[in-house]
Amino acid sequence: MKFRVSIGVFAGDFPAQQLVFAHLMDVCPDADLDQVEVLARPFAPRLGHFFDAGTVSDLPEATLVLTFPGAGVPLTATDRLRVVGRFTGTITRALLPED
């Protein structure tokens, strides 16, 4: 199913996705990393899964971090990430049947 949600967007420079997750765990130990998406250049193909064209324009940083509802990551700058903003986008989630 597709859901319209508010998505937090950060930008920074990280050489690997694992380092983004390690940084998030340092600054927010209770973060739910299943609710975080890390994008490396080129951004446009993957951003198109979440936002309409032009919602998040090209940025100078090498890495974008998207935080979905339930991520538990406050939209505040860290020493490695700057806040780009909060935007309405679409996420796709499968509904799992209960046992």
PDB file of N, CA and C in Angstrom:
ATOM      1  N   MET A   1       0.840  -1.173   0.000  1.00  0.00           N
ATOM      2  CA  MET A   1       0.000   0.000   0.000  1.00  0.00           C
ATOM      3  C   MET A   1       0.886   1.238   0.000  1.00  0.00           C
ATOM      4  N   LYS A   2       0.366   2.303  -0.584  1.00  0.00           N
ATOM      5  CA  LYS A   2       1.090   3.573  -0.602  1.00  0.00           C
ATOM      6  C   LYS A   2       0.470   4.511   0.423  1.00  0.00           C
ATOM      7  N   PHE A   3       1.350   5.216   1.136  1.00  0.00           N
ATOM      8  CA  PHE A   3       0.924   6.141   2.169  1.00  0.00           C
ATOM      9  C   PHE A   3       1.592   7.485   1.951  1.00  0.00           C
ATOM     10  N   ARG A   4       0.833   8.576   2.095  1.00  0.00           N
ATOM     11  CA  ARG A   4       1.394   9.931   2.066  1.00  0.00           C
ATOM     12  C   ARG A   4       1.834  10.254   3.484  1.00  0.00           C
ATOM     13  N   VAL A   5       3.096  10.629   3.633  1.00  0.00           N
ATOM     14  CA  VAL A   5       3.660  10.883   4.954  1.00  0.00           C
ATOM     15  C   VAL A   5       4.614  12.076   4.903  1.00  0.00           C
ATOM     16  N   SER A   6       4.961  12.573   6.067  1.00  0.00           N
ATOM     17  CA  SER A   6       5.951  13.619   6.207  1.00  0.00           C
ATOM     18  C   SER A   6       7.317  12.952   6.362  1.00  0.00           C
ATOM     19  N   ILE A   7       8.255  13.324   5.485  1.00  0.00           N
ATOM     20  CA  ILE A   7       9.579  12.708   5.460  1.00  0.00           C
ATOM     21  C   ILE A   7      10.628  13.757   5.795  1.00  0.00           C
ATOM     22  N   GLY A   8      11.437  13.485   6.810  1.00  0.00           N
ATOM     23  CA  GLY A   8      12.540  14.369   7.154  1.00  0.00           C
ATOM     24  C   GLY A   8      13.727  14.091   6.248  1.00  0.00           C
ATOM     25  N   VAL A   9      14.405  15.158   5.822  1.00  0.00           N
ATOM     26  CA  VAL A   9      15.542  15.001   4.917  1.00  0.00           C
ATOM     27  C   VAL A   9      16.769  15.705   5.510  1.00  0.00           C
ATOM     28  N   PHE A  10      17.856  14.956   5.603  1.00  0.00           N
ATOM     29  CA  PHE A  10      19.155  15.471   6.034  1.00  0.00           C
ATOM     30  C   PHE A  10      20.133  15.325   4.875  1.00  0.00           C
ATOM     31  N   ALA A  11      21.214  16.111   4.905  1.00  0.00           N
ATOM     32  CA  ALA A  11      22.288  15.976   3.917  1.00  0.00           C
ATOM     33  C   ALA A  11      23.630  15.983   4.638  1.00  0.00           C
ATOM     34  N   GLY A  12      24.565  15.221   4.108  1.00  0.00           N
ATOM     35  CA  GLY A  12      25.903  15.154   4.692  1.00  0.00           C
ATOM     36  C   GLY A  12      26.852  14.454   3.745  1.00  0.00           C
ATOM     37  N   ASP A  13      28.057  14.239   4.204  1.00  0.00           N
ATOM     38  CA  ASP A  13      29.070  13.555   3.394  1.00  0.00           C
ATOM     39  C   ASP A  13      29.571  12.336   4.146  1.00  0.00           C
ATOM     40  N   PHE A  14      29.225  11.169   3.634  1.00  0.00           N
ATOM     41  CA  PHE A  14      29.641   9.904   4.222  1.00  0.00           C
ATOM     42  C   PHE A  14      30.145   9.003   3.109  1.00  0.00           C
ATOM     43  N   PRO A  15      31.263   8.302   3.314  1.00  0.00           N
ATOM     44  CA  PRO A  15      31.770   7.412   2.269  1.00  0.00           C
ATOM     45  C   PRO A  15      31.018   6.075   2.175  1.00  0.00           C
ATOM     46  N   ALA A  16      30.204   5.745   3.188  1.00  0.00           N
ATOM     47  CA  ALA A  16      29.497   4.465   3.167  1.00  0.00           C
ATOM     48  C   ALA A  16      28.204   4.566   3.979  1.00  0.00           C
ATOM     49  N   GLN A  17      27.202   3.816   3.542  1.00  0.00           N
ATOM     50  CA  GLN A  17      25.901   3.796   4.210  1.00  0.00           C
ATOM     51  C   GLN A  17      26.023   3.374   5.674  1.00  0.00           C
ATOM     52  N   GLN A  18      26.885   2.420   5.963  1.00  0.00           N
ATOM     53  CA  GLN A  18      27.030   1.932   7.324  1.00  0.00           C
ATOM     54  C   GLN A  18      27.479   3.048   8.269  1.00  0.00           C
ATOM     55  N   LEU A  19      28.264   3.986   7.768  1.00  0.00           N
ATOM     56  CA  LEU A  19      28.722   5.093   8.607  1.00  0.00           C
ATOM     57  C   LEU A  19      27.587   6.051   8.940  1.00  0.00           C
ATOM     58  N   VAL A  20      26.626   6.186   8.050  1.00  0.00           N
ATOM     59  CA  VAL A  20      25.437   6.998   8.347  1.00  0.00           C
ATOM     60  C   VAL A  20      24.669   6.353   9.494  1.00  0.00           C
ATOM     61  N   PHE A  21      24.432   5.051   9.395  1.00  0.00           N
ATOM     62  CA  PHE A  21      23.695   4.359  10.447  1.00  0.00           C
ATOM     63  C   PHE A  21      24.450   4.408  11.775  1.00  0.00           C
ATOM     64  N   ALA A  22      25.757   4.262  11.739  1.00  0.00           N
ATOM     65  CA  ALA A  22      26.543   4.355  12.973  1.00  0.00           C
ATOM     66  C   ALA A  22      26.416   5.749  13.581  1.00  0.00           C
ATOM     67  N   HIS A  23      26.463   6.779  12.751  1.00  0.00           N
ATOM     68  CA  HIS A  23      26.321   8.152  13.246  1.00  0.00           C
ATOM     69  C   HIS A  23      24.940   8.357  13.866  1.00  0.00           C
ATOM     70  N   LEU A  24      23.901   7.876  13.193  1.00  0.00           N
ATOM     71  CA  LEU A  24      22.547   8.018  13.739  1.00  0.00           C
ATOM     72  C   LEU A  24      22.410   7.297  15.079  1.00  0.00           C
ATOM     73  N   MET A  25      23.028   6.134  15.209  1.00  0.00           N
ATOM     74  CA  MET A  25      22.958   5.407  16.483  1.00  0.00           C
ATOM     75  C   MET A  25      23.720   6.148  17.574  1.00  0.00           C
ATOM     76  N   ASP A  26      24.788   6.857  17.215  1.00  0.00           N
ATOM     77  CA  ASP A  26      25.528   7.661  18.192  1.00  0.00           C
ATOM     78  C   ASP A  26      24.683   8.828  18.701  1.00  0.00           C
ATOM     79  N   VAL A  27      23.993   9.514  17.779  1.00  0.00           N
ATOM     80  CA  VAL A  27      23.244  10.721  18.168  1.00  0.00           C
ATOM     81  C   VAL A  27      21.822  10.417  18.620  1.00  0.00           C
ATOM     82  N   CYS A  28      21.316   9.249  18.242  1.00  0.00           N
ATOM     83  CA  CYS A  28      19.939   8.886  18.601  1.00  0.00           C
ATOM     84  C   CYS A  28      19.868   7.365  18.797  1.00  0.00           C
ATOM     85  N   PRO A  29      20.314   6.884  19.954  1.00  0.00           N
ATOM     86  CA  PRO A  29      20.413   5.435  20.177  1.00  0.00           C
ATOM     87  C   PRO A  29      19.102   4.667  20.034  1.00  0.00           C
ATOM     88  N   ASP A  30      17.968   5.324  20.194  1.00  0.00           N
ATOM     89  CA  ASP A  30      16.683   4.639  20.087  1.00  0.00           C
ATOM     90  C   ASP A  30      16.098   4.678  18.682  1.00  0.00           C
ATOM     91  N   ALA A  31      16.860   5.162  17.711  1.00  0.00           N
ATOM     92  CA  ALA A  31      16.357   5.273  16.331  1.00  0.00           C
ATOM     93  C   ALA A  31      15.987   3.892  15.783  1.00  0.00           C
ATOM     94  N   ASP A  32      14.911   3.865  15.003  1.00  0.00           N
ATOM     95  CA  ASP A  32      14.501   2.656  14.300  1.00  0.00           C
ATOM     96  C   ASP A  32      15.049   2.770  12.877  1.00  0.00           C
ATOM     97  N   LEU A  33      16.171   2.131  12.618  1.00  0.00           N
ATOM     98  CA  LEU A  33      16.850   2.271  11.336  1.00  0.00           C
ATOM     99  C   LEU A  33      16.091   1.639  10.177  1.00  0.00           C
ATOM    100  N   ASP A  34      15.065   0.830  10.473  1.00  0.00           N
ATOM    101  CA  ASP A  34      14.194   0.329   9.413  1.00  0.00           C
ATOM    102  C   ASP A  34      13.375   1.462   8.799  1.00  0.00           C
ATOM    103  N   GLN A  35      13.286   2.574   9.514  1.00  0.00           N
ATOM    104  CA  GLN A  35      12.510   3.728   9.055  1.00  0.00           C
ATOM    105  C   GLN A  35      13.409   4.836   8.508  1.00  0.00           C
ATOM    106  N   VAL A  36      14.627   4.482   8.122  1.00  0.00           N
ATOM    107  CA  VAL A  36      15.608   5.435   7.594  1.00  0.00           C
ATOM    108  C   VAL A  36      16.095   4.932   6.246  1.00  0.00           C
ATOM    109  N   GLU A  37      16.177   5.821   5.281  1.00  0.00           N
ATOM    110  CA  GLU A  37      16.690   5.495   3.951  1.00  0.00           C
ATOM    111  C   GLU A  37      17.902   6.370   3.673  1.00  0.00           C
ATOM    112  N   VAL A  38      18.989   5.764   3.215  1.00  0.00           N
ATOM    113  CA  VAL A  38      20.214   6.496   2.895  1.00  0.00           C
ATOM    114  C   VAL A  38      20.404   6.459   1.384  1.00  0.00           C
ATOM    115  N   LEU A  39      20.599   7.636   0.786  1.00  0.00           N
ATOM    116  CA  LEU A  39      20.760   7.749  -0.658  1.00  0.00           C
ATOM    117  C   LEU A  39      22.117   8.372  -0.986  1.00  0.00           C
ATOM    118  N   ALA A  40      22.811   7.763  -1.931  1.00  0.00           N
ATOM    119  CA  ALA A  40      24.059   8.319  -2.433  1.00  0.00           C
ATOM    120  C   ALA A  40      23.809   8.855  -3.842  1.00  0.00           C
ATOM    121  N   ARG A  41      24.723   9.668  -4.334  1.00  0.00           N
ATOM    122  CA  ARG A  41      24.594  10.215  -5.690  1.00  0.00           C
ATOM    123  C   ARG A  41      24.557   9.088  -6.707  1.00  0.00           C
ATOM    124  N   PRO A  42      23.799   9.213  -7.776  1.00  0.00           N
ATOM    125  CA  PRO A  42      22.857  10.279  -8.102  1.00  0.00           C
ATOM    126  C   PRO A  42      21.547  10.101  -7.334  1.00  0.00           C
ATOM    127  N   PHE A  43      21.028  11.206  -6.796  1.00  0.00           N
ATOM    128  CA  PHE A  43      19.843  11.157  -5.941  1.00  0.00           C
ATOM    129  C   PHE A  43      18.538  10.952  -6.711  1.00  0.00           C
ATOM    130  N   ALA A  44      18.428  11.565  -7.879  1.00  0.00           N
ATOM    131  CA  ALA A  44      17.148  11.635  -8.592  1.00  0.00           C
ATOM    132  C   ALA A  44      16.432  10.299  -8.769  1.00  0.00           C
ATOM    133  N   PRO A  45      17.106   9.233  -9.196  1.00  0.00           N
ATOM    134  CA  PRO A  45      16.370   7.980  -9.399  1.00  0.00           C
ATOM    135  C   PRO A  45      15.690   7.464  -8.131  1.00  0.00           C
ATOM    136  N   ARG A  46      16.359   7.553  -7.007  1.00  0.00           N
ATOM    137  CA  ARG A  46      15.769   7.033  -5.761  1.00  0.00           C
ATOM    138  C   ARG A  46      14.807   8.022  -5.133  1.00  0.00           C
ATOM    139  N   LEU A  47      15.085   9.328  -5.262  1.00  0.00           N
ATOM    140  CA  LEU A  47      14.158  10.322  -4.718  1.00  0.00           C
ATOM    141  C   LEU A  47      12.795  10.216  -5.391  1.00  0.00           C
ATOM    142  N   GLY A  48      12.791   9.805  -6.659  1.00  0.00           N
ATOM    143  CA  GLY A  48      11.538   9.652  -7.391  1.00  0.00           C
ATOM    144  C   GLY A  48      10.606   8.616  -6.798  1.00  0.00           C
ATOM    145  N   HIS A  49      11.139   7.712  -5.978  1.00  0.00           N
ATOM    146  CA  HIS A  49      10.289   6.719  -5.310  1.00  0.00           C
ATOM    147  C   HIS A  49       9.478   7.356  -4.175  1.00  0.00           C
ATOM    148  N   PHE A  50       9.945   8.492  -3.669  1.00  0.00           N
ATOM    149  CA  PHE A  50       9.330   9.095  -2.488  1.00  0.00           C
ATOM    150  C   PHE A  50       8.660  10.441  -2.751  1.00  0.00           C
ATOM    151  N   PHE A  51       9.209  11.230  -3.694  1.00  0.00           N
ATOM    152  CA  PHE A  51       8.747  12.602  -3.892  1.00  0.00           C
ATOM    153  C   PHE A  51       8.417  12.879  -5.349  1.00  0.00           C
ATOM    154  N   ASP A  52       7.574  13.899  -5.544  1.00  0.00           N
ATOM    155  CA  ASP A  52       7.330  14.409  -6.886  1.00  0.00           C
ATOM    156  C   ASP A  52       8.613  15.064  -7.400  1.00  0.00           C
ATOM    157  N   ALA A  53       8.765  15.150  -8.698  1.00  0.00           N
ATOM    158  CA  ALA A  53       9.960  15.753  -9.295  1.00  0.00           C
ATOM    159  C   ALA A  53      10.152  17.173  -8.769  1.00  0.00           C
ATOM    160  N   GLY A  54      11.376  17.485  -8.405  1.00  0.00           N
ATOM    161  CA  GLY A  54      11.704  18.837  -7.959  1.00  0.00           C
ATOM    162  C   GLY A  54      11.454  19.121  -6.494  1.00  0.00           C
ATOM    163  N   THR A  55      10.895  18.180  -5.746  1.00  0.00           N
ATOM    164  CA  THR A  55      10.632  18.425  -4.319  1.00  0.00           C
ATOM    165  C   THR A  55      11.928  18.670  -3.569  1.00  0.00           C
ATOM    166  N   VAL A  56      12.891  17.810  -3.749  1.00  0.00           N
ATOM    167  CA  VAL A  56      14.219  17.989  -3.157  1.00  0.00           C
ATOM    168  C   VAL A  56      15.176  18.177  -4.321  1.00  0.00           C
ATOM    169  N   SER A  57      15.727  19.375  -4.427  1.00  0.00           N
ATOM    170  CA  SER A  57      16.609  19.660  -5.557  1.00  0.00           C
ATOM    171  C   SER A  57      18.013  19.109  -5.302  1.00  0.00           C
ATOM    172  N   ASP A  58      18.854  19.208  -6.323  1.00  0.00           N
ATOM    173  CA  ASP A  58      20.219  18.715  -6.208  1.00  0.00           C
ATOM    174  C   ASP A  58      20.955  19.484  -5.119  1.00  0.00           C
ATOM    175  N   LEU A  59      21.724  18.788  -4.329  1.00  0.00           N
ATOM    176  CA  LEU A  59      22.432  19.368  -3.195  1.00  0.00           C
ATOM    177  C   LEU A  59      23.926  19.084  -3.328  1.00  0.00           C
ATOM    178  N   PRO A  60      24.772  19.881  -2.697  1.00  0.00           N
ATOM    179  CA  PRO A  60      26.214  19.666  -2.836  1.00  0.00           C
ATOM    180  C   PRO A  60      26.751  18.440  -2.088  1.00  0.00           C
ATOM    181  N   GLU A  61      26.026  17.978  -1.079  1.00  0.00           N
ATOM    182  CA  GLU A  61      26.506  16.848  -0.281  1.00  0.00           C
ATOM    183  C   GLU A  61      26.433  15.539  -1.067  1.00  0.00           C
ATOM    184  N   ALA A  62      27.193  14.552  -0.612  1.00  0.00           N
ATOM    185  CA  ALA A  62      27.258  13.250  -1.273  1.00  0.00           C
ATOM    186  C   ALA A  62      26.168  12.292  -0.804  1.00  0.00           C
ATOM    187  N   THR A  63      25.528  12.596   0.342  1.00  0.00           N
ATOM    188  CA  THR A  63      24.590  11.655   0.944  1.00  0.00           C
ATOM    189  C   THR A  63      23.327  12.368   1.405  1.00  0.00           C
ATOM    190  N   LEU A  64      22.171  11.755   1.129  1.00  0.00           N
ATOM    191  CA  LEU A  64      20.898  12.215   1.690  1.00  0.00           C
ATOM    192  C   LEU A  64      20.384  11.140   2.630  1.00  0.00           C
ATOM    193  N   VAL A  65      19.765  11.575   3.715  1.00  0.00           N
ATOM    194  CA  VAL A  65      19.182  10.659   4.686  1.00  0.00           C
ATOM    195  C   VAL A  65      17.709  11.031   4.820  1.00  0.00           C
ATOM    196  N   LEU A  66      16.832  10.070   4.546  1.00  0.00           N
ATOM    197  CA  LEU A  66      15.397  10.268   4.674  1.00  0.00           C
ATOM    198  C   LEU A  66      14.928   9.557   5.929  1.00  0.00           C
ATOM    199  N   THR A  67      14.167  10.257   6.753  1.00  0.00           N
ATOM    200  CA  THR A  67      13.628   9.644   7.970  1.00  0.00           C
ATOM    201  C   THR A  67      12.111   9.611   7.853  1.00  0.00           C
ATOM    202  N   PHE A  68      11.568   8.417   7.968  1.00  0.00           N
ATOM    203  CA  PHE A  68      10.132   8.211   7.850  1.00  0.00           C
ATOM    204  C   PHE A  68       9.478   8.263   9.224  1.00  0.00           C
ATOM    205  N   PRO A  69       8.143   8.403   9.266  1.00  0.00           N
ATOM    206  CA  PRO A  69       7.464   8.384  10.565  1.00  0.00           C
ATOM    207  C   PRO A  69       7.832   7.116  11.333  1.00  0.00           C
ATOM    208  N   GLY A  70       8.085   7.273  12.581  1.00  0.00           N
ATOM    209  CA  GLY A  70       8.463   6.130  13.408  1.00  0.00           C
ATOM    210  C   GLY A  70       9.959   5.922  13.500  1.00  0.00           C
ATOM    211  N   ALA A  71      10.751   6.722  12.783  1.00  0.00           N
ATOM    212  CA  ALA A  71      12.206   6.558  12.833  1.00  0.00           C
ATOM    213  C   ALA A  71      12.755   6.948  14.193  1.00  0.00           C
ATOM    214  N   GLY A  72      12.094   7.881  14.865  1.00  0.00           N
ATOM    215  CA  GLY A  72      12.583   8.321  16.167  1.00  0.00           C
ATOM    216  C   GLY A  72      13.808   9.203  16.078  1.00  0.00           C
ATOM    217  N   VAL A  73      14.036   9.788  14.905  1.00  0.00           N
ATOM    218  CA  VAL A  73      15.182  10.678  14.698  1.00  0.00           C
ATOM    219  C   VAL A  73      14.651  12.106  14.622  1.00  0.00           C
ATOM    220  N   PRO A  74      14.995  12.965  15.588  1.00  0.00           N
ATOM    221  CA  PRO A  74      14.512  14.342  15.534  1.00  0.00           C
ATOM    222  C   PRO A  74      15.123  15.082  14.344  1.00  0.00           C
ATOM    223  N   LEU A  75      14.364  15.977  13.765  1.00  0.00           N
ATOM    224  CA  LEU A  75      14.836  16.742  12.612  1.00  0.00           C
ATOM    225  C   LEU A  75      15.653  17.932  13.106  1.00  0.00           C
ATOM    226  N   THR A  76      16.840  17.621  13.632  1.00  0.00           N
ATOM    227  CA  THR A  76      17.774  18.635  14.114  1.00  0.00           C
ATOM    228  C   THR A  76      19.160  18.299  13.574  1.00  0.00           C
ATOM    229  N   ALA A  77      19.934  19.327  13.294  1.00  0.00           N
ATOM    230  CA  ALA A  77      21.273  19.140  12.739  1.00  0.00           C
ATOM    231  C   ALA A  77      22.173  18.425  13.743  1.00  0.00           C
ATOM    232  N   THR A  78      23.132  17.692  13.209  1.00  0.00           N
ATOM    233  CA  THR A  78      24.170  17.056  14.022  1.00  0.00           C
ATOM    234  C   THR A  78      25.515  17.602  13.540  1.00  0.00           C
ATOM    235  N   ASP A  79      26.578  17.106  14.110  1.00  0.00           N
ATOM    236  CA  ASP A  79      27.893  17.562  13.651  1.00  0.00           C
ATOM    237  C   ASP A  79      28.249  17.022  12.273  1.00  0.00           C
ATOM    238  N   ARG A  80      27.482  16.054  11.746  1.00  0.00           N
ATOM    239  CA  ARG A  80      27.757  15.476  10.421  1.00  0.00           C
ATOM    240  C   ARG A  80      26.612  15.625   9.436  1.00  0.00           C
ATOM    241  N   LEU A  81      25.421  16.010   9.917  1.00  0.00           N
ATOM    242  CA  LEU A  81      24.247  16.124   9.051  1.00  0.00           C
ATOM    243  C   LEU A  81      23.601  17.496   9.202  1.00  0.00           C
ATOM    244  N   ARG A  82      23.234  18.092   8.074  1.00  0.00           N
ATOM    245  CA  ARG A  82      22.458  19.330   8.132  1.00  0.00           C
ATOM    246  C   ARG A  82      21.023  19.010   7.743  1.00  0.00           C
ATOM    247  N   VAL A  83      20.095  19.802   8.252  1.00  0.00           N
ATOM    248  CA  VAL A  83      18.680  19.609   7.952  1.00  0.00           C
ATOM    249  C   VAL A  83      18.369  20.271   6.616  1.00  0.00           C
ATOM    250  N   VAL A  84      17.771  19.508   5.710  1.00  0.00           N
ATOM    251  CA  VAL A  84      17.288  20.057   4.446  1.00  0.00           C
ATOM    252  C   VAL A  84      15.847  20.511   4.633  1.00  0.00           C
ATOM    253  N   GLY A  85      15.046  19.708   5.322  1.00  0.00           N
ATOM    254  CA  GLY A  85      13.659  20.073   5.594  1.00  0.00           C
ATOM    255  C   GLY A  85      12.770  18.857   5.742  1.00  0.00           C
ATOM    256  N   ARG A  86      11.500  19.139   5.877  1.00  0.00           N
ATOM    257  CA  ARG A  86      10.486  18.088   5.981  1.00  0.00           C
ATOM    258  C   ARG A  86       9.550  18.277   4.796  1.00  0.00           C
ATOM    259  N   PHE A  87       9.288  17.182   4.075  1.00  0.00           N
ATOM    260  CA  PHE A  87       8.497  17.246   2.855  1.00  0.00           C
ATOM    261  C   PHE A  87       7.464  16.125   2.860  1.00  0.00           C
ATOM    262  N   THR A  88       6.330  16.371   2.238  1.00  0.00           N
ATOM    263  CA  THR A  88       5.323  15.325   2.096  1.00  0.00           C
ATOM    264  C   THR A  88       5.705  14.446   0.925  1.00  0.00           C
ATOM    265  N   GLY A  89       5.729  13.153   1.171  1.00  0.00           N
ATOM    266  CA  GLY A  89       6.087  12.197   0.136  1.00  0.00           C
ATOM    267  C   GLY A  89       5.267  10.930   0.275  1.00  0.00           C
ATOM    268  N   THR A  90       5.628   9.941  -0.492  1.00  0.00           N
ATOM    269  CA  THR A  90       4.905   8.668  -0.506  1.00  0.00           C
ATOM    270  C   THR A  90       5.849   7.531  -0.161  1.00  0.00           C
ATOM    271  N   ILE A  91       5.405   6.664   0.734  1.00  0.00           N
ATOM    272  CA  ILE A  91       6.152   5.436   1.008  1.00  0.00           C
ATOM    273  C   ILE A  91       5.249   4.254   0.696  1.00  0.00           C
ATOM    274  N   THR A  92       5.858   3.155   0.361  1.00  0.00           N
ATOM    275  CA  THR A  92       5.120   1.930   0.070  1.00  0.00           C
ATOM    276  C   THR A  92       5.453   0.924   1.155  1.00  0.00           C
ATOM    277  N   ARG A  93       4.447   0.404   1.768  1.00  0.00           N
ATOM    278  CA  ARG A  93       4.629  -0.593   2.813  1.00  0.00           C
ATOM    279  C   ARG A  93       3.628  -1.723   2.605  1.00  0.00           C
ATOM    280  N   ALA A  94       4.104  -2.927   2.763  1.00  0.00           N
ATOM    281  CA  ALA A  94       3.209  -4.094   2.677  1.00  0.00           C
ATOM    282  C   ALA A  94       2.549  -4.300   4.020  1.00  0.00           C
ATOM    283  N   LEU A  95       1.287  -4.590   3.996  1.00  0.00           N
ATOM    284  CA  LEU A  95       0.590  -4.917   5.227  1.00  0.00           C
ATOM    285  C   LEU A  95       0.739  -6.420   5.450  1.00  0.00           C
ATOM    286  N   LEU A  96       1.230  -6.783   6.615  1.00  0.00           N
ATOM    287  CA  LEU A  96       1.439  -8.184   6.928  1.00  0.00           C
ATOM    288  C   LEU A  96       0.265  -8.718   7.746  1.00  0.00           C
ATOM    289  N   PRO A  97      -0.204  -9.885   7.410  1.00  0.00           N
ATOM    290  CA  PRO A  97      -1.307 -10.446   8.182  1.00  0.00           C
ATOM    291  C   PRO A  97      -0.855 -10.828   9.581  1.00  0.00           C
ATOM    292  N   GLU A  98      -1.758 -10.681  10.531  1.00  0.00           N
ATOM    293  CA  GLU A  98      -1.451 -11.099  11.894  1.00  0.00           C
ATOM    294  C   GLU A  98      -1.582 -12.602  11.977  1.00  0.00           C
ATOM    295  N   ASP A  99      -0.819 -13.203  12.873  1.00  0.00           N
ATOM    296  CA  ASP A  99      -0.887 -14.660  13.042  1.00  0.00           C
ATOM    297  C   ASP A  99      -2.192 -15.078  13.632  1.00  0.00           C
TER     298      ASP A  99
END
